[in-house]
Amino acid sequence: MVRLVDHELTSSAFAARITASTGASLPACLLGELASLSGSLHGDASRRVKALFDEVERQGEEQVIAHHLSTGLPLPGLGHHLYPDGDPRAAALLALL
């Protein structure tokens, strides 16, 4: 859980850490973190990935991927600008699988 949740000092991790520093319970800390994810400047990637999956369901993966590649649209959930060489948490998480 820590590898997935602790994403350097993002606003959600910061919110969880601030909440924890007050002696709040784990559920309260997670609630603070999730609340910050509801903002479009931080947690909107999940909504975009869901929209992409919905689009794939309607049109098929080949058409959707081809459209994104031909127009230069980024694929939501892939290629985060902070990690041009890949998310450093990925190797540890994949090793667990």
PDB file of N, CA and C in Angstrom:
ATOM      1  N   MET A   1       0.824  -1.180   0.000  1.00  0.00           N
ATOM      2  CA  MET A   1       0.000   0.000   0.000  1.00  0.00           C
ATOM      3  C   MET A   1       0.874   1.251   0.000  1.00  0.00           C
ATOM      4  N   VAL A   2       1.948   1.220   0.770  1.00  0.00           N
ATOM      5  CA  VAL A   2       2.812   2.401   0.854  1.00  0.00           C
ATOM      6  C   VAL A   2       3.443   2.692  -0.498  1.00  0.00           C
ATOM      7  N   ARG A   3       3.897   1.658  -1.199  1.00  0.00           N
ATOM      8  CA  ARG A   3       4.502   1.886  -2.521  1.00  0.00           C
ATOM      9  C   ARG A   3       3.514   2.527  -3.483  1.00  0.00           C
ATOM     10  N   LEU A   4       2.273   2.142  -3.395  1.00  0.00           N
ATOM     11  CA  LEU A   4       1.268   2.693  -4.298  1.00  0.00           C
ATOM     12  C   LEU A   4       0.833   4.088  -3.886  1.00  0.00           C
ATOM     13  N   VAL A   5       0.708   4.315  -2.600  1.00  0.00           N
ATOM     14  CA  VAL A   5       0.143   5.570  -2.110  1.00  0.00           C
ATOM     15  C   VAL A   5       1.190   6.672  -2.020  1.00  0.00           C
ATOM     16  N   ASP A   6       2.370   6.353  -1.507  1.00  0.00           N
ATOM     17  CA  ASP A   6       3.365   7.399  -1.287  1.00  0.00           C
ATOM     18  C   ASP A   6       4.060   7.728  -2.595  1.00  0.00           C
ATOM     19  N   HIS A   7       3.645   8.785  -3.199  1.00  0.00           N
ATOM     20  CA  HIS A   7       4.093   9.189  -4.531  1.00  0.00           C
ATOM     21  C   HIS A   7       4.831  10.512  -4.402  1.00  0.00           C
ATOM     22  N   GLU A   8       5.992  10.422  -3.746  1.00  0.00           N
ATOM     23  CA  GLU A   8       6.790  11.601  -3.433  1.00  0.00           C
ATOM     24  C   GLU A   8       5.926  12.600  -2.670  1.00  0.00           C
ATOM     25  N   LEU A   9       5.985  13.871  -2.987  1.00  0.00           N
ATOM     26  CA  LEU A   9       5.224  14.844  -2.211  1.00  0.00           C
ATOM     27  C   LEU A   9       4.115  15.444  -3.066  1.00  0.00           C
ATOM     28  N   THR A  10       3.258  14.571  -3.576  1.00  0.00           N
ATOM     29  CA  THR A  10       2.094  15.044  -4.309  1.00  0.00           C
ATOM     30  C   THR A  10       1.114  15.652  -3.316  1.00  0.00           C
ATOM     31  N   SER A  11       0.132  16.348  -3.819  1.00  0.00           N
ATOM     32  CA  SER A  11      -0.828  16.973  -2.914  1.00  0.00           C
ATOM     33  C   SER A  11      -1.576  15.933  -2.088  1.00  0.00           C
ATOM     34  N   SER A  12      -1.882  14.773  -2.674  1.00  0.00           N
ATOM     35  CA  SER A  12      -2.604  13.753  -1.914  1.00  0.00           C
ATOM     36  C   SER A  12      -1.722  13.142  -0.827  1.00  0.00           C
ATOM     37  N   ALA A  13      -0.462  12.862  -1.139  1.00  0.00           N
ATOM     38  CA  ALA A  13       0.449  12.334  -0.114  1.00  0.00           C
ATOM     39  C   ALA A  13       0.660  13.368   0.982  1.00  0.00           C
ATOM     40  N   PHE A  14       0.780  14.616   0.588  1.00  0.00           N
ATOM     41  CA  PHE A  14       0.961  15.690   1.563  1.00  0.00           C
ATOM     42  C   PHE A  14      -0.263  15.802   2.470  1.00  0.00           C
ATOM     43  N   ALA A  15      -1.456  15.726   1.874  1.00  0.00           N
ATOM     44  CA  ALA A  15      -2.683  15.798   2.665  1.00  0.00           C
ATOM     45  C   ALA A  15      -2.749  14.651   3.667  1.00  0.00           C
ATOM     46  N   ALA A  16      -2.383  13.452   3.232  1.00  0.00           N
ATOM     47  CA  ALA A  16      -2.395  12.299   4.138  1.00  0.00           C
ATOM     48  C   ALA A  16      -1.376  12.480   5.254  1.00  0.00           C
ATOM     49  N   ARG A  17      -0.195  12.981   4.912  1.00  0.00           N
ATOM     50  CA  ARG A  17       0.842  13.181   5.929  1.00  0.00           C
ATOM     51  C   ARG A  17       0.439  14.252   6.937  1.00  0.00           C
ATOM     52  N   ILE A  18      -0.148  15.316   6.460  1.00  0.00           N
ATOM     53  CA  ILE A  18      -0.606  16.375   7.372  1.00  0.00           C
ATOM     54  C   ILE A  18      -1.688  15.827   8.295  1.00  0.00           C
ATOM     55  N   THR A  19      -2.626  15.073   7.732  1.00  0.00           N
ATOM     56  CA  THR A  19      -3.694  14.503   8.545  1.00  0.00           C
ATOM     57  C   THR A  19      -3.119  13.540   9.582  1.00  0.00           C
ATOM     58  N   ALA A  20      -2.159  12.717   9.173  1.00  0.00           N
ATOM     59  CA  ALA A  20      -1.526  11.777  10.105  1.00  0.00           C
ATOM     60  C   ALA A  20      -0.782  12.516  11.209  1.00  0.00           C
ATOM     61  N   SER A  21      -0.191  13.657  10.884  1.00  0.00           N
ATOM     62  CA  SER A  21       0.574  14.399  11.890  1.00  0.00           C
ATOM     63  C   SER A  21      -0.297  14.936  13.017  1.00  0.00           C
ATOM     64  N   THR A  22      -1.602  14.944  12.798  1.00  0.00           N
ATOM     65  CA  THR A  22      -2.516  15.405  13.853  1.00  0.00           C
ATOM     66  C   THR A  22      -2.936  14.277  14.780  1.00  0.00           C
ATOM     67  N   GLY A  23      -2.479  13.045  14.478  1.00  0.00           N
ATOM     68  CA  GLY A  23      -2.864  11.888  15.274  1.00  0.00           C
ATOM     69  C   GLY A  23      -4.154  11.246  14.801  1.00  0.00           C
ATOM     70  N   ALA A  24      -4.584  11.610  13.611  1.00  0.00           N
ATOM     71  CA  ALA A  24      -5.826  11.064  13.062  1.00  0.00           C
ATOM     72  C   ALA A  24      -5.669   9.573  12.748  1.00  0.00           C
ATOM     73  N   SER A  25      -6.788   8.886  12.656  1.00  0.00           N
ATOM     74  CA  SER A  25      -6.795   7.454  12.344  1.00  0.00           C
ATOM     75  C   SER A  25      -6.390   7.215  10.887  1.00  0.00           C
ATOM     76  N   LEU A  26      -6.045   5.962  10.578  1.00  0.00           N
ATOM     77  CA  LEU A  26      -5.700   5.610   9.202  1.00  0.00           C
ATOM     78  C   LEU A  26      -6.850   5.904   8.235  1.00  0.00           C
ATOM     79  N   PRO A  27      -8.098   5.527   8.571  1.00  0.00           N
ATOM     80  CA  PRO A  27      -9.196   5.882   7.654  1.00  0.00           C
ATOM     81  C   PRO A  27      -9.313   7.397   7.428  1.00  0.00           C
ATOM     82  N   ALA A  28      -9.082   8.181   8.465  1.00  0.00           N
ATOM     83  CA  ALA A  28      -9.155   9.639   8.311  1.00  0.00           C
ATOM     84  C   ALA A  28      -8.040  10.136   7.399  1.00  0.00           C
ATOM     85  N   CYS A  29      -6.855   9.558   7.531  1.00  0.00           N
ATOM     86  CA  CYS A  29      -5.734   9.953   6.668  1.00  0.00           C
ATOM     87  C   CYS A  29      -6.028   9.621   5.216  1.00  0.00           C
ATOM     88  N   LEU A  30      -6.593   8.434   4.988  1.00  0.00           N
ATOM     89  CA  LEU A  30      -6.945   8.038   3.622  1.00  0.00           C
ATOM     90  C   LEU A  30      -8.047   8.927   3.060  1.00  0.00           C
ATOM     91  N   LEU A  31      -8.981   9.316   3.895  1.00  0.00           N
ATOM     92  CA  LEU A  31     -10.054  10.205   3.457  1.00  0.00           C
ATOM     93  C   LEU A  31      -9.489  11.549   3.008  1.00  0.00           C
ATOM     94  N   GLY A  32      -8.540  12.082   3.775  1.00  0.00           N
ATOM     95  CA  GLY A  32      -7.894  13.342   3.386  1.00  0.00           C
ATOM     96  C   GLY A  32      -7.184  13.213   2.053  1.00  0.00           C
ATOM     97  N   GLU A  33      -6.486  12.093   1.882  1.00  0.00           N
ATOM     98  CA  GLU A  33      -5.775  11.859   0.627  1.00  0.00           C
ATOM     99  C   GLU A  33      -6.751  11.732  -0.536  1.00  0.00           C
ATOM    100  N   LEU A  34      -7.805  10.945  -0.351  1.00  0.00           N
ATOM    101  CA  LEU A  34      -8.792  10.757  -1.419  1.00  0.00           C
ATOM    102  C   LEU A  34      -9.522  12.051  -1.755  1.00  0.00           C
ATOM    103  N   ALA A  35      -9.758  12.878  -0.749  1.00  0.00           N
ATOM    104  CA  ALA A  35     -10.424  14.158  -1.012  1.00  0.00           C
ATOM    105  C   ALA A  35      -9.585  15.015  -1.946  1.00  0.00           C
ATOM    106  N   SER A  36      -8.266  15.010  -1.752  1.00  0.00           N
ATOM    107  CA  SER A  36      -7.421  15.822  -2.631  1.00  0.00           C
ATOM    108  C   SER A  36      -7.371  15.242  -4.043  1.00  0.00           C
ATOM    109  N   LEU A  37      -7.582  13.934  -4.170  1.00  0.00           N
ATOM    110  CA  LEU A  37      -7.601  13.317  -5.497  1.00  0.00           C
ATOM    111  C   LEU A  37      -8.833  13.712  -6.304  1.00  0.00           C
ATOM    112  N   SER A  38      -9.852  14.221  -5.648  1.00  0.00           N
ATOM    113  CA  SER A  38     -11.066  14.593  -6.365  1.00  0.00           C
ATOM    114  C   SER A  38     -10.881  15.855  -7.210  1.00  0.00           C
ATOM    115  N   GLY A  39      -9.815  16.594  -6.971  1.00  0.00           N
ATOM    116  CA  GLY A  39      -9.552  17.795  -7.750  1.00  0.00           C
ATOM    117  C   GLY A  39      -9.033  17.465  -9.141  1.00  0.00           C
ATOM    118  N   SER A  40      -9.430  18.234 -10.121  1.00  0.00           N
ATOM    119  CA  SER A  40      -9.058  17.942 -11.511  1.00  0.00           C
ATOM    120  C   SER A  40      -7.573  18.120 -11.794  1.00  0.00           C
ATOM    121  N   LEU A  41      -6.866  18.853 -10.941  1.00  0.00           N
ATOM    122  CA  LEU A  41      -5.431  19.059 -11.179  1.00  0.00           C
ATOM    123  C   LEU A  41      -4.572  17.926 -10.633  1.00  0.00           C
ATOM    124  N   HIS A  42      -5.171  16.980  -9.922  1.00  0.00           N
ATOM    125  CA  HIS A  42      -4.362  15.896  -9.362  1.00  0.00           C
ATOM    126  C   HIS A  42      -4.916  14.516  -9.701  1.00  0.00           C
ATOM    127  N   GLY A  43      -6.129  14.233  -9.384  1.00  0.00           N
ATOM    128  CA  GLY A  43      -6.656  12.892  -9.539  1.00  0.00           C
ATOM    129  C   GLY A  43      -7.436  12.643 -10.806  1.00  0.00           C
ATOM    130  N   ASP A  44      -7.407  13.549 -11.725  1.00  0.00           N
ATOM    131  CA  ASP A  44      -8.220  13.430 -12.927  1.00  0.00           C
ATOM    132  C   ASP A  44      -7.752  12.312 -13.859  1.00  0.00           C
ATOM    133  N   ALA A  45      -6.545  11.811 -13.651  1.00  0.00           N
ATOM    134  CA  ALA A  45      -6.038  10.743 -14.516  1.00  0.00           C
ATOM    135  C   ALA A  45      -6.936   9.514 -14.440  1.00  0.00           C
ATOM    136  N   SER A  46      -7.443   9.206 -13.262  1.00  0.00           N
ATOM    137  CA  SER A  46      -8.321   8.041 -13.115  1.00  0.00           C
ATOM    138  C   SER A  46      -9.578   8.187 -13.960  1.00  0.00           C
ATOM    139  N   ARG A  47     -10.149   9.383 -13.978  1.00  0.00           N
ATOM    140  CA  ARG A  47     -11.338   9.628 -14.802  1.00  0.00           C
ATOM    141  C   ARG A  47     -11.008   9.470 -16.284  1.00  0.00           C
ATOM    142  N   ARG A  48      -9.843   9.980 -16.683  1.00  0.00           N
ATOM    143  CA  ARG A  48      -9.451   9.870 -18.096  1.00  0.00           C
ATOM    144  C   ARG A  48      -9.197   8.414 -18.495  1.00  0.00           C
ATOM    145  N   VAL A  49      -8.615   7.625 -17.610  1.00  0.00           N
ATOM    146  CA  VAL A  49      -8.393   6.198 -17.899  1.00  0.00           C
ATOM    147  C   VAL A  49      -9.734   5.486 -18.024  1.00  0.00           C
ATOM    148  N   LYS A  50     -10.658   5.786 -17.127  1.00  0.00           N
ATOM    149  CA  LYS A  50     -11.997   5.185 -17.205  1.00  0.00           C
ATOM    150  C   LYS A  50     -12.669   5.551 -18.527  1.00  0.00           C
ATOM    151  N   ALA A  51     -12.552   6.803 -18.944  1.00  0.00           N
ATOM    152  CA  ALA A  51     -13.134   7.234 -20.221  1.00  0.00           C
ATOM    153  C   ALA A  51     -12.494   6.484 -21.389  1.00  0.00           C
ATOM    154  N   LEU A  52     -11.171   6.254 -21.294  1.00  0.00           N
ATOM    155  CA  LEU A  52     -10.471   5.509 -22.347  1.00  0.00           C
ATOM    156  C   LEU A  52     -10.998   4.074 -22.414  1.00  0.00           C
ATOM    157  N   PHE A  53     -11.172   3.430 -21.253  1.00  0.00           N
ATOM    158  CA  PHE A  53     -11.711   2.071 -21.234  1.00  0.00           C
ATOM    159  C   PHE A  53     -13.129   2.030 -21.809  1.00  0.00           C
ATOM    160  N   ASP A  54     -13.925   3.032 -21.485  1.00  0.00           N
ATOM    161  CA  ASP A  54     -15.281   3.101 -22.039  1.00  0.00           C
ATOM    162  C   ASP A  54     -15.235   3.228 -23.557  1.00  0.00           C
ATOM    163  N   GLU A  55     -14.306   4.043 -24.034  1.00  0.00           N
ATOM    164  CA  GLU A  55     -14.145   4.233 -25.482  1.00  0.00           C
ATOM    165  C   GLU A  55     -13.709   2.930 -26.150  1.00  0.00           C
ATOM    166  N   VAL A  56     -12.798   2.209 -25.515  1.00  0.00           N
ATOM    167  CA  VAL A  56     -12.340   0.917 -26.041  1.00  0.00           C
ATOM    168  C   VAL A  56     -13.497  -0.072 -26.090  1.00  0.00           C
ATOM    169  N   GLU A  57     -14.328  -0.057 -25.072  1.00  0.00           N
ATOM    170  CA  GLU A  57     -15.488  -0.947 -25.045  1.00  0.00           C
ATOM    171  C   GLU A  57     -16.433  -0.668 -26.217  1.00  0.00           C
ATOM    172  N   ARG A  58     -16.599   0.609 -26.556  1.00  0.00           N
ATOM    173  CA  ARG A  58     -17.507   0.994 -27.644  1.00  0.00           C
ATOM    174  C   ARG A  58     -16.905   0.755 -29.022  1.00  0.00           C
ATOM    175  N   GLN A  59     -15.620   1.099 -29.196  1.00  0.00           N
ATOM    176  CA  GLN A  59     -15.026   1.122 -30.532  1.00  0.00           C
ATOM    177  C   GLN A  59     -14.000   0.021 -30.789  1.00  0.00           C
ATOM    178  N   GLY A  60     -13.500  -0.591 -29.735  1.00  0.00           N
ATOM    179  CA  GLY A  60     -12.454  -1.604 -29.897  1.00  0.00           C
ATOM    180  C   GLY A  60     -11.084  -0.999 -29.672  1.00  0.00           C
ATOM    181  N   GLU A  61     -10.195  -1.807 -29.100  1.00  0.00           N
ATOM    182  CA  GLU A  61      -8.873  -1.279 -28.725  1.00  0.00           C
ATOM    183  C   GLU A  61      -8.026  -0.842 -29.910  1.00  0.00           C
ATOM    184  N   GLU A  62      -8.080  -1.572 -31.012  1.00  0.00           N
ATOM    185  CA  GLU A  62      -7.232  -1.210 -32.155  1.00  0.00           C
ATOM    186  C   GLU A  62      -7.592   0.166 -32.699  1.00  0.00           C
ATOM    187  N   GLN A  63      -8.863   0.442 -32.839  1.00  0.00           N
ATOM    188  CA  GLN A  63      -9.297   1.741 -33.369  1.00  0.00           C
ATOM    189  C   GLN A  63      -8.937   2.874 -32.407  1.00  0.00           C
ATOM    190  N   VAL A  64      -9.153   2.655 -31.130  1.00  0.00           N
ATOM    191  CA  VAL A  64      -8.881   3.702 -30.142  1.00  0.00           C
ATOM    192  C   VAL A  64      -7.385   3.992 -30.060  1.00  0.00           C
ATOM    193  N   ILE A  65      -6.576   2.952 -29.985  1.00  0.00           N
ATOM    194  CA  ILE A  65      -5.116   3.144 -29.912  1.00  0.00           C
ATOM    195  C   ILE A  65      -4.620   3.811 -31.194  1.00  0.00           C
ATOM    196  N   ALA A  66      -5.103   3.363 -32.339  1.00  0.00           N
ATOM    197  CA  ALA A  66      -4.693   3.963 -33.613  1.00  0.00           C
ATOM    198  C   ALA A  66      -5.045   5.446 -33.647  1.00  0.00           C
ATOM    199  N   HIS A  67      -6.234   5.788 -33.163  1.00  0.00           N
ATOM    200  CA  HIS A  67      -6.648   7.197 -33.139  1.00  0.00           C
ATOM    201  C   HIS A  67      -5.708   8.022 -32.256  1.00  0.00           C
ATOM    202  N   HIS A  68      -5.411   7.513 -31.072  1.00  0.00           N
ATOM    203  CA  HIS A  68      -4.524   8.243 -30.166  1.00  0.00           C
ATOM    204  C   HIS A  68      -3.132   8.404 -30.777  1.00  0.00           C
ATOM    205  N   LEU A  69      -2.621   7.354 -31.371  1.00  0.00           N
ATOM    206  CA  LEU A  69      -1.276   7.425 -31.959  1.00  0.00           C
ATOM    207  C   LEU A  69      -1.232   8.343 -33.178  1.00  0.00           C
ATOM    208  N   SER A  70      -2.272   8.294 -34.023  1.00  0.00           N
ATOM    209  CA  SER A  70      -2.256   9.102 -35.236  1.00  0.00           C
ATOM    210  C   SER A  70      -2.474  10.589 -34.966  1.00  0.00           C
ATOM    211  N   THR A  71      -3.170  10.903 -33.887  1.00  0.00           N
ATOM    212  CA  THR A  71      -3.434  12.305 -33.571  1.00  0.00           C
ATOM    213  C   THR A  71      -2.460  12.877 -32.541  1.00  0.00           C
ATOM    214  N   GLY A  72      -1.637  12.014 -31.959  1.00  0.00           N
ATOM    215  CA  GLY A  72      -0.693  12.489 -30.950  1.00  0.00           C
ATOM    216  C   GLY A  72      -1.308  12.662 -29.576  1.00  0.00           C
ATOM    217  N   LEU A  73      -2.559  12.200 -29.418  1.00  0.00           N
ATOM    218  CA  LEU A  73      -3.194  12.268 -28.099  1.00  0.00           C
ATOM    219  C   LEU A  73      -2.488  11.305 -27.149  1.00  0.00           C
ATOM    220  N   PRO A  74      -2.193  11.750 -25.944  1.00  0.00           N
ATOM    221  CA  PRO A  74      -1.557  10.830 -24.998  1.00  0.00           C
ATOM    222  C   PRO A  74      -2.550   9.769 -24.521  1.00  0.00           C
ATOM    223  N   LEU A  75      -2.031   8.601 -24.179  1.00  0.00           N
ATOM    224  CA  LEU A  75      -2.866   7.564 -23.596  1.00  0.00           C
ATOM    225  C   LEU A  75      -2.928   7.808 -22.097  1.00  0.00           C
ATOM    226  N   PRO A  76      -4.107   8.070 -21.562  1.00  0.00           N
ATOM    227  CA  PRO A  76      -4.229   8.363 -20.137  1.00  0.00           C
ATOM    228  C   PRO A  76      -3.670   7.226 -19.287  1.00  0.00           C
ATOM    229  N   GLY A  77      -2.956   7.606 -18.237  1.00  0.00           N
ATOM    230  CA  GLY A  77      -2.396   6.623 -17.324  1.00  0.00           C
ATOM    231  C   GLY A  77      -1.015   6.142 -17.710  1.00  0.00           C
ATOM    232  N   LEU A  78      -0.522   6.575 -18.857  1.00  0.00           N
ATOM    233  CA  LEU A  78       0.811   6.161 -19.321  1.00  0.00           C
ATOM    234  C   LEU A  78       1.665   7.402 -19.605  1.00  0.00           C
ATOM    235  N   GLY A  79       2.952   7.300 -19.322  1.00  0.00           N
ATOM    236  CA  GLY A  79       3.871   8.372 -19.678  1.00  0.00           C
ATOM    237  C   GLY A  79       3.784   9.607 -18.821  1.00  0.00           C
ATOM    238  N   HIS A  80       3.819   9.442 -17.515  1.00  0.00           N
ATOM    239  CA  HIS A  80       3.753  10.600 -16.613  1.00  0.00           C
ATOM    240  C   HIS A  80       4.988  11.477 -16.815  1.00  0.00           C
ATOM    241  N   HIS A  81       4.781  12.793 -16.885  1.00  0.00           N
ATOM    242  CA  HIS A  81       5.887  13.717 -17.170  1.00  0.00           C
ATOM    243  C   HIS A  81       6.954  13.728 -16.067  1.00  0.00           C
ATOM    244  N   LEU A  82       6.610  13.323 -14.867  1.00  0.00           N
ATOM    245  CA  LEU A  82       7.616  13.268 -13.794  1.00  0.00           C
ATOM    246  C   LEU A  82       8.538  12.069 -13.927  1.00  0.00           C
ATOM    247  N   TYR A  83       8.111  11.054 -14.691  1.00  0.00           N
ATOM    248  CA  TYR A  83       8.890   9.821 -14.811  1.00  0.00           C
ATOM    249  C   TYR A  83       9.125   9.457 -16.276  1.00  0.00           C
ATOM    250  N   PRO A  84       9.949  10.214 -16.980  1.00  0.00           N
ATOM    251  CA  PRO A  84      10.170   9.910 -18.400  1.00  0.00           C
ATOM    252  C   PRO A  84      10.816   8.537 -18.611  1.00  0.00           C
ATOM    253  N   ASP A  85      11.499   8.014 -17.601  1.00  0.00           N
ATOM    254  CA  ASP A  85      12.119   6.692 -17.707  1.00  0.00           C
ATOM    255  C   ASP A  85      11.296   5.618 -17.000  1.00  0.00           C
ATOM    256  N   GLY A  86      10.079   5.939 -16.639  1.00  0.00           N
ATOM    257  CA  GLY A  86       9.204   4.994 -15.952  1.00  0.00           C
ATOM    258  C   GLY A  86       9.114   5.288 -14.463  1.00  0.00           C
ATOM    259  N   ASP A  87       8.020   4.902 -13.873  1.00  0.00           N
ATOM    260  CA  ASP A  87       7.767   5.108 -12.450  1.00  0.00           C
ATOM    261  C   ASP A  87       8.705   4.214 -11.647  1.00  0.00           C
ATOM    262  N   PRO A  88       9.511   4.766 -10.749  1.00  0.00           N
ATOM    263  CA  PRO A  88      10.460   3.952  -9.998  1.00  0.00           C
ATOM    264  C   PRO A  88       9.796   2.924  -9.073  1.00  0.00           C
ATOM    265  N   ARG A  89       8.517   3.074  -8.789  1.00  0.00           N
ATOM    266  CA  ARG A  89       7.814   2.088  -7.965  1.00  0.00           C
ATOM    267  C   ARG A  89       7.459   0.845  -8.749  1.00  0.00           C
ATOM    268  N   ALA A  90       7.452   0.948 -10.063  1.00  0.00           N
ATOM    269  CA  ALA A  90       6.969  -0.149 -10.903  1.00  0.00           C
ATOM    270  C   ALA A  90       7.793  -1.429 -10.731  1.00  0.00           C
ATOM    271  N   ALA A  91       9.114  -1.342 -10.697  1.00  0.00           N
ATOM    272  CA  ALA A  91       9.946  -2.549 -10.595  1.00  0.00           C
ATOM    273  C   ALA A  91       9.632  -3.318  -9.320  1.00  0.00           C
ATOM    274  N   ALA A  92       9.504  -2.598  -8.194  1.00  0.00           N
ATOM    275  CA  ALA A  92       9.205  -3.267  -6.927  1.00  0.00           C
ATOM    276  C   ALA A  92       7.815  -3.912  -6.961  1.00  0.00           C
ATOM    277  N   LEU A  93       6.848  -3.206  -7.530  1.00  0.00           N
ATOM    278  CA  LEU A  93       5.489  -3.747  -7.577  1.00  0.00           C
ATOM    279  C   LEU A  93       5.397  -4.933  -8.535  1.00  0.00           C
ATOM    280  N   LEU A  94       6.076  -4.846  -9.676  1.00  0.00           N
ATOM    281  CA  LEU A  94       6.051  -5.956 -10.627  1.00  0.00           C
ATOM    282  C   LEU A  94       6.763  -7.181 -10.054  1.00  0.00           C
ATOM    283  N   ALA A  95       7.819  -6.958  -9.272  1.00  0.00           N
ATOM    284  CA  ALA A  95       8.533  -8.070  -8.641  1.00  0.00           C
ATOM    285  C   ALA A  95       7.615  -8.822  -7.675  1.00  0.00           C
ATOM    286  N   LEU A  96       6.709  -8.096  -7.019  1.00  0.00           N
ATOM    287  CA  LEU A  96       5.766  -8.729  -6.096  1.00  0.00           C
ATOM    288  C   LEU A  96       4.733  -9.595  -6.832  1.00  0.00           C
ATOM    289  N   LEU A  97       4.463  -9.244  -8.087  1.00  0.00           N
ATOM    290  CA  LEU A  97       3.486 -10.016  -8.869  1.00  0.00           C
ATOM    291  C   LEU A  97       4.082 -11.338  -9.297  1.00  0.00           C
TER     292      LEU A  97
END
